[in-house]
Amino acid sequence: MAFVMFDDKQQQKTAQVVSKRATSFLWYQIFIDVLKKLPQMDQAKKDMLDKCEDYYRFNTRELIKIEQFRTNYTIHEAVRWFTLDSFVYSLLNRALRTENISNLYTVKPV
């Protein structure tokens, strides 16, 4: 009576799943790298803030933060804005957690 601890077919299937996940992860990392290398554009910042204003249209506190961001933000303050309790943290964190390409492109100016 033979005892088989590992099934070769199961190992192959697991390897394929891992391979697909690794490929997806690599493409995601490449996309993030490309976004970081794109030049900062005022229009991209305006588009992002317009979407944020639409999303937070009933939240006065966040609208004030959006206006502060619009007038005060510089690339050197990206980490500070991300660590504040604000729309920037919420949007960027959600985009990164969900790996939503569209949302990542929207928050590109940060």
PDB file of N, CA and C in Angstrom:
ATOM      1  N   MET A   1       0.848  -1.168   0.000  1.00  0.00           N
ATOM      2  CA  MET A   1       0.000   0.000   0.000  1.00  0.00           C
ATOM      3  C   MET A   1       0.898   1.237   0.000  1.00  0.00           C
ATOM      4  N   ALA A   2       0.701   2.068  -0.961  1.00  0.00           N
ATOM      5  CA  ALA A   2       1.520   3.271  -1.098  1.00  0.00           C
ATOM      6  C   ALA A   2       0.862   4.435  -0.366  1.00  0.00           C
ATOM      7  N   PHE A   3       1.708   5.250   0.243  1.00  0.00           N
ATOM      8  CA  PHE A   3       1.229   6.434   0.956  1.00  0.00           C
ATOM      9  C   PHE A   3       1.790   7.659   0.241  1.00  0.00           C
ATOM     10  N   VAL A   4       0.901   8.478  -0.303  1.00  0.00           N
ATOM     11  CA  VAL A   4       1.324   9.674  -1.032  1.00  0.00           C
ATOM     12  C   VAL A   4       0.997  10.892  -0.183  1.00  0.00           C
ATOM     13  N   MET A   5       2.042  11.595   0.220  1.00  0.00           N
ATOM     14  CA  MET A   5       1.835  12.763   1.066  1.00  0.00           C
ATOM     15  C   MET A   5       1.523  14.010   0.238  1.00  0.00           C
ATOM     16  N   PHE A   6       2.144  14.129  -0.917  1.00  0.00           N
ATOM     17  CA  PHE A   6       1.936  15.292  -1.770  1.00  0.00           C
ATOM     18  C   PHE A   6       1.409  14.838  -3.118  1.00  0.00           C
ATOM     19  N   ASP A   7       0.478  15.565  -3.621  1.00  0.00           N
ATOM     20  CA  ASP A   7      -0.086  15.284  -4.929  1.00  0.00           C
ATOM     21  C   ASP A   7       0.599  16.198  -5.938  1.00  0.00           C
ATOM     22  N   ASP A   8       1.238  15.608  -6.948  1.00  0.00           N
ATOM     23  CA  ASP A   8       1.956  16.405  -7.947  1.00  0.00           C
ATOM     24  C   ASP A   8       1.042  17.398  -8.654  1.00  0.00           C
ATOM     25  N   LYS A   9      -0.185  16.985  -8.929  1.00  0.00           N
ATOM     26  CA  LYS A   9      -1.120  17.887  -9.607  1.00  0.00           C
ATOM     27  C   LYS A   9      -1.433  19.093  -8.724  1.00  0.00           C
ATOM     28  N   GLN A  10      -1.585  18.860  -7.432  1.00  0.00           N
ATOM     29  CA  GLN A  10      -1.865  19.958  -6.507  1.00  0.00           C
ATOM     30  C   GLN A  10      -0.676  20.913  -6.433  1.00  0.00           C
ATOM     31  N   GLN A  11       0.534  20.359  -6.419  1.00  0.00           N
ATOM     32  CA  GLN A  11       1.727  21.208  -6.393  1.00  0.00           C
ATOM     33  C   GLN A  11       1.798  22.082  -7.638  1.00  0.00           C
ATOM     34  N   GLN A  12       1.498  21.496  -8.798  1.00  0.00           N
ATOM     35  CA  GLN A  12       1.530  22.267 -10.036  1.00  0.00           C
ATOM     36  C   GLN A  12       0.485  23.379 -10.010  1.00  0.00           C
ATOM     37  N   LYS A  13      -0.700  23.059  -9.513  1.00  0.00           N
ATOM     38  CA  LYS A  13      -1.764  24.057  -9.433  1.00  0.00           C
ATOM     39  C   LYS A  13      -1.359  25.191  -8.491  1.00  0.00           C
ATOM     40  N   THR A  14      -0.786  24.840  -7.353  1.00  0.00           N
ATOM     41  CA  THR A  14      -0.328  25.842  -6.395  1.00  0.00           C
ATOM     42  C   THR A  14       0.759  26.711  -7.016  1.00  0.00           C
ATOM     43  N   ALA A  15       1.674  26.105  -7.737  1.00  0.00           N
ATOM     44  CA  ALA A  15       2.746  26.861  -8.390  1.00  0.00           C
ATOM     45  C   ALA A  15       2.175  27.827  -9.419  1.00  0.00           C
ATOM     46  N   GLN A  16       1.132  27.410 -10.136  1.00  0.00           N
ATOM     47  CA  GLN A  16       0.509  28.294 -11.118  1.00  0.00           C
ATOM     48  C   GLN A  16      -0.154  29.487 -10.437  1.00  0.00           C
ATOM     49  N   VAL A  17      -0.830  29.243  -9.316  1.00  0.00           N
ATOM     50  CA  VAL A  17      -1.481  30.326  -8.580  1.00  0.00           C
ATOM     51  C   VAL A  17      -0.436  31.312  -8.074  1.00  0.00           C
ATOM     52  N   VAL A  18       0.639  30.786  -7.497  1.00  0.00           N
ATOM     53  CA  VAL A  18       1.717  31.645  -7.000  1.00  0.00           C
ATOM     54  C   VAL A  18       2.326  32.430  -8.153  1.00  0.00           C
ATOM     55  N   SER A  19       2.517  31.768  -9.280  1.00  0.00           N
ATOM     56  CA  SER A  19       3.095  32.428 -10.444  1.00  0.00           C
ATOM     57  C   SER A  19       2.198  33.573 -10.923  1.00  0.00           C
ATOM     58  N   LYS A  20       0.889  33.350 -10.955  1.00  0.00           N
ATOM     59  CA  LYS A  20      -0.043  34.403 -11.373  1.00  0.00           C
ATOM     60  C   LYS A  20      -0.018  35.563 -10.387  1.00  0.00           C
ATOM     61  N   ARG A  21       0.035  35.258  -9.107  1.00  0.00           N
ATOM     62  CA  ARG A  21       0.089  36.316  -8.096  1.00  0.00           C
ATOM     63  C   ARG A  21       1.391  37.102  -8.201  1.00  0.00           C
ATOM     64  N   ALA A  22       2.487  36.401  -8.434  1.00  0.00           N
ATOM     65  CA  ALA A  22       3.782  37.074  -8.563  1.00  0.00           C
ATOM     66  C   ALA A  22       3.783  37.986  -9.786  1.00  0.00           C
ATOM     67  N   THR A  23       3.219  37.520 -10.875  1.00  0.00           N
ATOM     68  CA  THR A  23       3.138  38.333 -12.084  1.00  0.00           C
ATOM     69  C   THR A  23       2.295  39.575 -11.838  1.00  0.00           C
ATOM     70  N   SER A  24       1.160  39.386 -11.201  1.00  0.00           N
ATOM     71  CA  SER A  24       0.286  40.515 -10.877  1.00  0.00           C
ATOM     72  C   SER A  24       1.007  41.510  -9.978  1.00  0.00           C
ATOM     73  N   PHE A  25       1.711  41.003  -8.982  1.00  0.00           N
ATOM     74  CA  PHE A  25       2.459  41.859  -8.065  1.00  0.00           C
ATOM     75  C   PHE A  25       3.529  42.656  -8.813  1.00  0.00           C
ATOM     76  N   LEU A  26       4.252  42.002  -9.707  1.00  0.00           N
ATOM     77  CA  LEU A  26       5.304  42.691 -10.462  1.00  0.00           C
ATOM     78  C   LEU A  26       4.726  43.784 -11.355  1.00  0.00           C
ATOM     79  N   TRP A  27       3.631  43.499 -12.044  1.00  0.00           N
ATOM     80  CA  TRP A  27       3.006  44.522 -12.879  1.00  0.00           C
ATOM     81  C   TRP A  27       2.548  45.705 -12.039  1.00  0.00           C
ATOM     82  N   TYR A  28       2.008  45.422 -10.875  1.00  0.00           N
ATOM     83  CA  TYR A  28       1.561  46.478  -9.972  1.00  0.00           C
ATOM     84  C   TYR A  28       2.748  47.336  -9.535  1.00  0.00           C
ATOM     85  N   GLN A  29       3.863  46.715  -9.202  1.00  0.00           N
ATOM     86  CA  GLN A  29       5.057  47.453  -8.799  1.00  0.00           C
ATOM     87  C   GLN A  29       5.595  48.312  -9.948  1.00  0.00           C
ATOM     88  N   ILE A  30       5.567  47.767 -11.155  1.00  0.00           N
ATOM     89  CA  ILE A  30       6.015  48.529 -12.324  1.00  0.00           C
ATOM     90  C   ILE A  30       5.106  49.735 -12.536  1.00  0.00           C
ATOM     91  N   PHE A  31       3.801  49.527 -12.394  1.00  0.00           N
ATOM     92  CA  PHE A  31       2.851  50.626 -12.555  1.00  0.00           C
ATOM     93  C   PHE A  31       3.116  51.734 -11.539  1.00  0.00           C
ATOM     94  N   ILE A  32       3.339  51.367 -10.285  1.00  0.00           N
ATOM     95  CA  ILE A  32       3.636  52.352  -9.240  1.00  0.00           C
ATOM     96  C   ILE A  32       4.916  53.113  -9.592  1.00  0.00           C
ATOM     97  N   ASP A  33       5.921  52.402 -10.063  1.00  0.00           N
ATOM     98  CA  ASP A  33       7.186  53.036 -10.439  1.00  0.00           C
ATOM     99  C   ASP A  33       6.980  54.034 -11.580  1.00  0.00           C
ATOM    100  N   VAL A  34       6.188  53.659 -12.571  1.00  0.00           N
ATOM    101  CA  VAL A  34       5.900  54.562 -13.691  1.00  0.00           C
ATOM    102  C   VAL A  34       5.166  55.801 -13.197  1.00  0.00           C
ATOM    103  N   LEU A  35       4.179  55.620 -12.323  1.00  0.00           N
ATOM    104  CA  LEU A  35       3.445  56.766 -11.778  1.00  0.00           C
ATOM    105  C   LEU A  35       4.375  57.733 -11.062  1.00  0.00           C
ATOM    106  N   LYS A  36       5.318  57.182 -10.304  1.00  0.00           N
ATOM    107  CA  LYS A  36       6.242  58.041  -9.558  1.00  0.00           C
ATOM    108  C   LYS A  36       7.149  58.837 -10.486  1.00  0.00           C
ATOM    109  N   LYS A  37       7.421  58.294 -11.671  1.00  0.00           N
ATOM    110  CA  LYS A  37       8.336  58.965 -12.596  1.00  0.00           C
ATOM    111  C   LYS A  37       7.638  59.951 -13.528  1.00  0.00           C
ATOM    112  N   LEU A  38       6.312  59.920 -13.559  1.00  0.00           N
ATOM    113  CA  LEU A  38       5.594  60.870 -14.404  1.00  0.00           C
ATOM    114  C   LEU A  38       5.788  62.280 -13.860  1.00  0.00           C
ATOM    115  N   PRO A  39       5.913  63.249 -14.742  1.00  0.00           N
ATOM    116  CA  PRO A  39       6.110  64.618 -14.263  1.00  0.00           C
ATOM    117  C   PRO A  39       4.869  65.141 -13.541  1.00  0.00           C
ATOM    118  N   GLN A  40       5.113  65.984 -12.554  1.00  0.00           N
ATOM    119  CA  GLN A  40       4.012  66.635 -11.842  1.00  0.00           C
ATOM    120  C   GLN A  40       3.357  67.618 -12.799  1.00  0.00           C
ATOM    121  N   MET A  41       2.051  67.564 -12.882  1.00  0.00           N
ATOM    122  CA  MET A  41       1.346  68.495 -13.750  1.00  0.00           C
ATOM    123  C   MET A  41       0.225  69.153 -12.968  1.00  0.00           C
ATOM    124  N   ASP A  42       0.089  70.443 -13.183  1.00  0.00           N
ATOM    125  CA  ASP A  42      -0.972  71.173 -12.501  1.00  0.00           C
ATOM    126  C   ASP A  42      -2.346  70.632 -12.868  1.00  0.00           C
ATOM    127  N   GLN A  43      -2.520  70.214 -14.119  1.00  0.00           N
ATOM    128  CA  GLN A  43      -3.825  69.698 -14.542  1.00  0.00           C
ATOM    129  C   GLN A  43      -4.160  68.401 -13.811  1.00  0.00           C
ATOM    130  N   ALA A  44      -3.189  67.535 -13.611  1.00  0.00           N
ATOM    131  CA  ALA A  44      -3.430  66.285 -12.880  1.00  0.00           C
ATOM    132  C   ALA A  44      -3.835  66.582 -11.439  1.00  0.00           C
ATOM    133  N   LYS A  45      -3.180  67.560 -10.832  1.00  0.00           N
ATOM    134  CA  LYS A  45      -3.525  67.960  -9.462  1.00  0.00           C
ATOM    135  C   LYS A  45      -4.939  68.528  -9.424  1.00  0.00           C
ATOM    136  N   LYS A  46      -5.271  69.365 -10.391  1.00  0.00           N
ATOM    137  CA  LYS A  46      -6.608  69.952 -10.454  1.00  0.00           C
ATOM    138  C   LYS A  46      -7.662  68.861 -10.621  1.00  0.00           C
ATOM    139  N   ASP A  47      -7.415  67.906 -11.523  1.00  0.00           N
ATOM    140  CA  ASP A  47      -8.365  66.809 -11.741  1.00  0.00           C
ATOM    141  C   ASP A  47      -8.571  66.001 -10.466  1.00  0.00           C
ATOM    142  N   MET A  48      -7.472  65.699  -9.769  1.00  0.00           N
ATOM    143  CA  MET A  48      -7.573  64.946  -8.520  1.00  0.00           C
ATOM    144  C   MET A  48      -8.410  65.711  -7.499  1.00  0.00           C
ATOM    145  N   LEU A  49      -8.128  66.992  -7.345  1.00  0.00           N
ATOM    146  CA  LEU A  49      -8.842  67.786  -6.347  1.00  0.00           C
ATOM    147  C   LEU A  49     -10.308  67.983  -6.723  1.00  0.00           C
ATOM    148  N   ASP A  50     -10.589  68.086  -8.010  1.00  0.00           N
ATOM    149  CA  ASP A  50     -11.989  68.175  -8.447  1.00  0.00           C
ATOM    150  C   ASP A  50     -12.753  66.907  -8.067  1.00  0.00           C
ATOM    151  N   LYS A  51     -12.129  65.755  -8.273  1.00  0.00           N
ATOM    152  CA  LYS A  51     -12.769  64.486  -7.897  1.00  0.00           C
ATOM    153  C   LYS A  51     -12.943  64.396  -6.383  1.00  0.00           C
ATOM    154  N   CYS A  52     -11.950  64.865  -5.653  1.00  0.00           N
ATOM    155  CA  CYS A  52     -12.046  64.856  -4.187  1.00  0.00           C
ATOM    156  C   CYS A  52     -13.169  65.769  -3.712  1.00  0.00           C
ATOM    157  N   GLU A  53     -13.256  66.940  -4.311  1.00  0.00           N
ATOM    158  CA  GLU A  53     -14.330  67.869  -3.930  1.00  0.00           C
ATOM    159  C   GLU A  53     -15.702  67.275  -4.226  1.00  0.00           C
ATOM    160  N   ASP A  54     -15.810  66.582  -5.334  1.00  0.00           N
ATOM    161  CA  ASP A  54     -17.080  65.938  -5.662  1.00  0.00           C
ATOM    162  C   ASP A  54     -17.401  64.834  -4.649  1.00  0.00           C
ATOM    163  N   TYR A  55     -16.398  64.035  -4.312  1.00  0.00           N
ATOM    164  CA  TYR A  55     -16.593  62.933  -3.368  1.00  0.00           C
ATOM    165  C   TYR A  55     -16.959  63.445  -1.972  1.00  0.00           C
ATOM    166  N   TYR A  56     -16.315  64.521  -1.535  1.00  0.00           N
ATOM    167  CA  TYR A  56     -16.523  65.064  -0.186  1.00  0.00           C
ATOM    168  C   TYR A  56     -17.448  66.292  -0.180  1.00  0.00           C
ATOM    169  N   ARG A  57     -18.292  66.433  -1.167  1.00  0.00           N
ATOM    170  CA  ARG A  57     -19.105  67.650  -1.313  1.00  0.00           C
ATOM    171  C   ARG A  57     -19.971  67.965  -0.099  1.00  0.00           C
ATOM    172  N   PHE A  58     -20.294  66.972   0.719  1.00  0.00           N
ATOM    173  CA  PHE A  58     -21.120  67.208   1.910  1.00  0.00           C
ATOM    174  C   PHE A  58     -20.302  67.204   3.201  1.00  0.00           C
ATOM    175  N   ASN A  59     -18.992  67.155   3.084  1.00  0.00           N
ATOM    176  CA  ASN A  59     -18.120  67.094   4.251  1.00  0.00           C
ATOM    177  C   ASN A  59     -17.282  68.384   4.317  1.00  0.00           C
ATOM    178  N   THR A  60     -17.773  69.343   5.071  1.00  0.00           N
ATOM    179  CA  THR A  60     -17.130  70.658   5.146  1.00  0.00           C
ATOM    180  C   THR A  60     -15.690  70.568   5.628  1.00  0.00           C
ATOM    181  N   ARG A  61     -15.447  69.727   6.600  1.00  0.00           N
ATOM    182  CA  ARG A  61     -14.094  69.591   7.159  1.00  0.00           C
ATOM    183  C   ARG A  61     -13.099  69.141   6.079  1.00  0.00           C
ATOM    184  N   GLU A  62     -13.474  68.144   5.283  1.00  0.00           N
ATOM    185  CA  GLU A  62     -12.574  67.663   4.228  1.00  0.00           C
ATOM    186  C   GLU A  62     -12.446  68.686   3.100  1.00  0.00           C
ATOM    187  N   LEU A  63     -13.513  69.402   2.807  1.00  0.00           N
ATOM    188  CA  LEU A  63     -13.438  70.444   1.772  1.00  0.00           C
ATOM    189  C   LEU A  63     -12.443  71.532   2.156  1.00  0.00           C
ATOM    190  N   ILE A  64     -12.385  71.857   3.435  1.00  0.00           N
ATOM    191  CA  ILE A  64     -11.395  72.836   3.916  1.00  0.00           C
ATOM    192  C   ILE A  64      -9.985  72.286   3.721  1.00  0.00           C
ATOM    193  N   LYS A  65      -9.788  71.011   4.036  1.00  0.00           N
ATOM    194  CA  LYS A  65      -8.467  70.386   3.856  1.00  0.00           C
ATOM    195  C   LYS A  65      -8.085  70.332   2.378  1.00  0.00           C
ATOM    196  N   ILE A  66      -9.068  70.080   1.524  1.00  0.00           N
ATOM    197  CA  ILE A  66      -8.801  70.051   0.082  1.00  0.00           C
ATOM    198  C   ILE A  66      -8.327  71.422  -0.390  1.00  0.00           C
ATOM    199  N   GLU A  67      -8.965  72.464   0.084  1.00  0.00           N
ATOM    200  CA  GLU A  67      -8.558  73.821  -0.297  1.00  0.00           C
ATOM    201  C   GLU A  67      -7.160  74.142   0.247  1.00  0.00           C
ATOM    202  N   GLN A  68      -6.870  73.707   1.468  1.00  0.00           N
ATOM    203  CA  GLN A  68      -5.523  73.903   2.024  1.00  0.00           C
ATOM    204  C   GLN A  68      -4.490  73.172   1.173  1.00  0.00           C
ATOM    205  N   PHE A  69      -4.823  71.956   0.759  1.00  0.00           N
ATOM    206  CA  PHE A  69      -3.934  71.178  -0.098  1.00  0.00           C
ATOM    207  C   PHE A  69      -3.710  71.922  -1.415  1.00  0.00           C
ATOM    208  N   ARG A  70      -4.781  72.416  -1.990  1.00  0.00           N
ATOM    209  CA  ARG A  70      -4.706  73.120  -3.277  1.00  0.00           C
ATOM    210  C   ARG A  70      -3.744  74.313  -3.209  1.00  0.00           C
ATOM    211  N   THR A  71      -3.770  75.037  -2.123  1.00  0.00           N
ATOM    212  CA  THR A  71      -2.953  76.254  -2.023  1.00  0.00           C
ATOM    213  C   THR A  71      -1.563  76.026  -1.430  1.00  0.00           C
ATOM    214  N   ASN A  72      -1.394  75.000  -0.608  1.00  0.00           N
ATOM    215  CA  ASN A  72      -0.135  74.846   0.134  1.00  0.00           C
ATOM    216  C   ASN A  72       0.734  73.658  -0.266  1.00  0.00           C
ATOM    217  N   TYR A  73       0.190  72.681  -0.977  1.00  0.00           N
ATOM    218  CA  TYR A  73       0.925  71.439  -1.231  1.00  0.00           C
ATOM    219  C   TYR A  73       2.139  71.652  -2.133  1.00  0.00           C
ATOM    220  N   THR A  74       3.246  71.028  -1.729  1.00  0.00           N
ATOM    221  CA  THR A  74       4.420  70.901  -2.594  1.00  0.00           C
ATOM    222  C   THR A  74       4.852  69.440  -2.548  1.00  0.00           C
ATOM    223  N   ILE A  75       5.597  69.030  -3.533  1.00  0.00           N
ATOM    224  CA  ILE A  75       6.051  67.636  -3.621  1.00  0.00           C
ATOM    225  C   ILE A  75       6.852  67.225  -2.391  1.00  0.00           C
ATOM    226  N   HIS A  76       7.502  68.175  -1.759  1.00  0.00           N
ATOM    227  CA  HIS A  76       8.324  67.889  -0.584  1.00  0.00           C
ATOM    228  C   HIS A  76       7.487  67.589   0.658  1.00  0.00           C
ATOM    229  N   GLU A  77       6.186  67.865   0.586  1.00  0.00           N
ATOM    230  CA  GLU A  77       5.300  67.625   1.726  1.00  0.00           C
ATOM    231  C   GLU A  77       4.416  66.392   1.536  1.00  0.00           C
ATOM    232  N   ALA A  78       4.719  65.562   0.565  1.00  0.00           N
ATOM    233  CA  ALA A  78       3.869  64.410   0.261  1.00  0.00           C
ATOM    234  C   ALA A  78       3.690  63.499   1.473  1.00  0.00           C
ATOM    235  N   VAL A  79       4.765  63.181   2.159  1.00  0.00           N
ATOM    236  CA  VAL A  79       4.679  62.284   3.320  1.00  0.00           C
ATOM    237  C   VAL A  79       3.855  62.928   4.428  1.00  0.00           C
ATOM    238  N   ARG A  80       4.057  64.205   4.657  1.00  0.00           N
ATOM    239  CA  ARG A  80       3.282  64.896   5.699  1.00  0.00           C
ATOM    240  C   ARG A  80       1.786  64.840   5.391  1.00  0.00           C
ATOM    241  N   TRP A  81       1.408  65.111   4.143  1.00  0.00           N
ATOM    242  CA  TRP A  81      -0.003  65.073   3.777  1.00  0.00           C
ATOM    243  C   TRP A  81      -0.560  63.660   3.884  1.00  0.00           C
ATOM    244  N   PHE A  82       0.265  62.673   3.563  1.00  0.00           N
ATOM    245  CA  PHE A  82      -0.200  61.287   3.663  1.00  0.00           C
ATOM    246  C   PHE A  82      -0.432  60.892   5.117  1.00  0.00           C
ATOM    247  N   THR A  83       0.371  61.402   6.031  1.00  0.00           N
ATOM    248  CA  THR A  83       0.243  61.005   7.438  1.00  0.00           C
ATOM    249  C   THR A  83      -0.823  61.792   8.187  1.00  0.00           C
ATOM    250  N   LEU A  84      -1.285  62.895   7.631  1.00  0.00           N
ATOM    251  CA  LEU A  84      -2.366  63.643   8.272  1.00  0.00           C
ATOM    252  C   LEU A  84      -3.674  62.868   8.158  1.00  0.00           C
ATOM    253  N   ASP A  85      -4.573  63.127   9.079  1.00  0.00           N
ATOM    254  CA  ASP A  85      -5.909  62.539   8.999  1.00  0.00           C
ATOM    255  C   ASP A  85      -6.704  63.366   7.993  1.00  0.00           C
ATOM    256  N   SER A  86      -6.599  62.982   6.721  1.00  0.00           N
ATOM    257  CA  SER A  86      -7.238  63.797   5.690  1.00  0.00           C
ATOM    258  C   SER A  86      -7.628  62.957   4.484  1.00  0.00           C
ATOM    259  N   PHE A  87      -8.205  63.619   3.525  1.00  0.00           N
ATOM    260  CA  PHE A  87      -8.644  62.977   2.293  1.00  0.00           C
ATOM    261  C   PHE A  87      -7.479  62.330   1.549  1.00  0.00           C
ATOM    262  N   VAL A  88      -6.288  62.903   1.634  1.00  0.00           N
ATOM    263  CA  VAL A  88      -5.127  62.349   0.931  1.00  0.00           C
ATOM    264  C   VAL A  88      -4.824  60.951   1.453  1.00  0.00           C
ATOM    265  N   TYR A  89      -4.762  60.815   2.765  1.00  0.00           N
ATOM    266  CA  TYR A  89      -4.506  59.508   3.367  1.00  0.00           C
ATOM    267  C   TYR A  89      -5.587  58.515   2.955  1.00  0.00           C
ATOM    268  N   SER A  90      -6.843  58.911   3.076  1.00  0.00           N
ATOM    269  CA  SER A  90      -7.955  58.006   2.766  1.00  0.00           C
ATOM    270  C   SER A  90      -7.913  57.531   1.321  1.00  0.00           C
ATOM    271  N   LEU A  91      -7.750  58.460   0.394  1.00  0.00           N
ATOM    272  CA  LEU A  91      -7.764  58.098  -1.021  1.00  0.00           C
ATOM    273  C   LEU A  91      -6.564  57.252  -1.422  1.00  0.00           C
ATOM    274  N   LEU A  92      -5.392  57.670  -0.999  1.00  0.00           N
ATOM    275  CA  LEU A  92      -4.187  56.940  -1.374  1.00  0.00           C
ATOM    276  C   LEU A  92      -4.155  55.560  -0.728  1.00  0.00           C
ATOM    277  N   ASN A  93      -4.530  55.486   0.527  1.00  0.00           N
ATOM    278  CA  ASN A  93      -4.546  54.207   1.226  1.00  0.00           C
ATOM    279  C   ASN A  93      -5.534  53.243   0.566  1.00  0.00           C
ATOM    280  N   ARG A  94      -6.722  53.726   0.238  1.00  0.00           N
ATOM    281  CA  ARG A  94      -7.726  52.882  -0.409  1.00  0.00           C
ATOM    282  C   ARG A  94      -7.233  52.411  -1.774  1.00  0.00           C
ATOM    283  N   ALA A  95      -6.635  53.313  -2.531  1.00  0.00           N
ATOM    284  CA  ALA A  95      -6.131  52.957  -3.858  1.00  0.00           C
ATOM    285  C   ALA A  95      -5.033  51.900  -3.770  1.00  0.00           C
ATOM    286  N   LEU A  96      -4.150  52.030  -2.797  1.00  0.00           N
ATOM    287  CA  LEU A  96      -3.061  51.057  -2.641  1.00  0.00           C
ATOM    288  C   LEU A  96      -3.572  49.710  -2.144  1.00  0.00           C
ATOM    289  N   ARG A  97      -4.499  49.724  -1.196  1.00  0.00           N
ATOM    290  CA  ARG A  97      -5.026  48.466  -0.656  1.00  0.00           C
ATOM    291  C   ARG A  97      -5.803  47.682  -1.706  1.00  0.00           C
ATOM    292  N   THR A  98      -6.582  48.377  -2.521  1.00  0.00           N
ATOM    293  CA  THR A  98      -7.415  47.695  -3.511  1.00  0.00           C
ATOM    294  C   THR A  98      -6.693  47.476  -4.833  1.00  0.00           C
ATOM    295  N   GLU A  99      -5.514  48.071  -4.974  1.00  0.00           N
ATOM    296  CA  GLU A  99      -4.743  47.997  -6.216  1.00  0.00           C
ATOM    297  C   GLU A  99      -5.597  48.445  -7.403  1.00  0.00           C
ATOM    298  N   ASN A 100      -6.400  49.469  -7.189  1.00  0.00           N
ATOM    299  CA  ASN A 100      -7.274  50.007  -8.218  1.00  0.00           C
ATOM    300  C   ASN A 100      -6.467  50.972  -9.087  1.00  0.00           C
ATOM    301  N   ILE A 101      -6.211  50.564 -10.313  1.00  0.00           N
ATOM    302  CA  ILE A 101      -5.358  51.329 -11.220  1.00  0.00           C
ATOM    303  C   ILE A 101      -5.929  52.729 -11.468  1.00  0.00           C
ATOM    304  N   SER A 102      -7.225  52.813 -11.664  1.00  0.00           N
ATOM    305  CA  SER A 102      -7.858  54.107 -11.925  1.00  0.00           C
ATOM    306  C   SER A 102      -7.673  55.060 -10.748  1.00  0.00           C
ATOM    307  N   ASN A 103      -7.886  54.558  -9.536  1.00  0.00           N
ATOM    308  CA  ASN A 103      -7.709  55.401  -8.350  1.00  0.00           C
ATOM    309  C   ASN A 103      -6.246  55.774  -8.143  1.00  0.00           C
ATOM    310  N   LEU A 104      -5.352  54.852  -8.429  1.00  0.00           N
ATOM    311  CA  LEU A 104      -3.925  55.161  -8.303  1.00  0.00           C
ATOM    312  C   LEU A 104      -3.528  56.262  -9.279  1.00  0.00           C
ATOM    313  N   TYR A 105      -4.058  56.199 -10.474  1.00  0.00           N
ATOM    314  CA  TYR A 105      -3.747  57.239 -11.454  1.00  0.00           C
ATOM    315  C   TYR A 105      -4.311  58.581 -11.006  1.00  0.00           C
ATOM    316  N   THR A 106      -5.487  58.550 -10.375  1.00  0.00           N
ATOM    317  CA  THR A 106      -6.105  59.785  -9.890  1.00  0.00           C
ATOM    318  C   THR A 106      -5.249  60.454  -8.827  1.00  0.00           C
ATOM    319  N   VAL A 107      -4.668  59.670  -7.919  1.00  0.00           N
ATOM    320  CA  VAL A 107      -3.866  60.248  -6.834  1.00  0.00           C
ATOM    321  C   VAL A 107      -2.395  60.413  -7.220  1.00  0.00           C
ATOM    322  N   LYS A 108      -2.105  60.271  -8.488  1.00  0.00           N
ATOM    323  CA  LYS A 108      -0.738  60.400  -9.005  1.00  0.00           C
ATOM    324  C   LYS A 108      -0.033  61.678  -8.566  1.00  0.00           C
ATOM    325  N   PRO A 109      -0.715  62.834  -8.509  1.00  0.00           N
ATOM    326  CA  PRO A 109       0.000  64.057  -8.116  1.00  0.00           C
ATOM    327  C   PRO A 109       0.588  64.023  -6.709  1.00  0.00           C
ATOM    328  N   VAL A 110       0.071  63.176  -5.840  1.00  0.00           N
ATOM    329  CA  VAL A 110       0.591  63.100  -4.477  1.00  0.00           C
ATOM    330  C   VAL A 110       1.868  62.316  -4.524  1.00  0.00           C
TER     331      VAL A 110
END
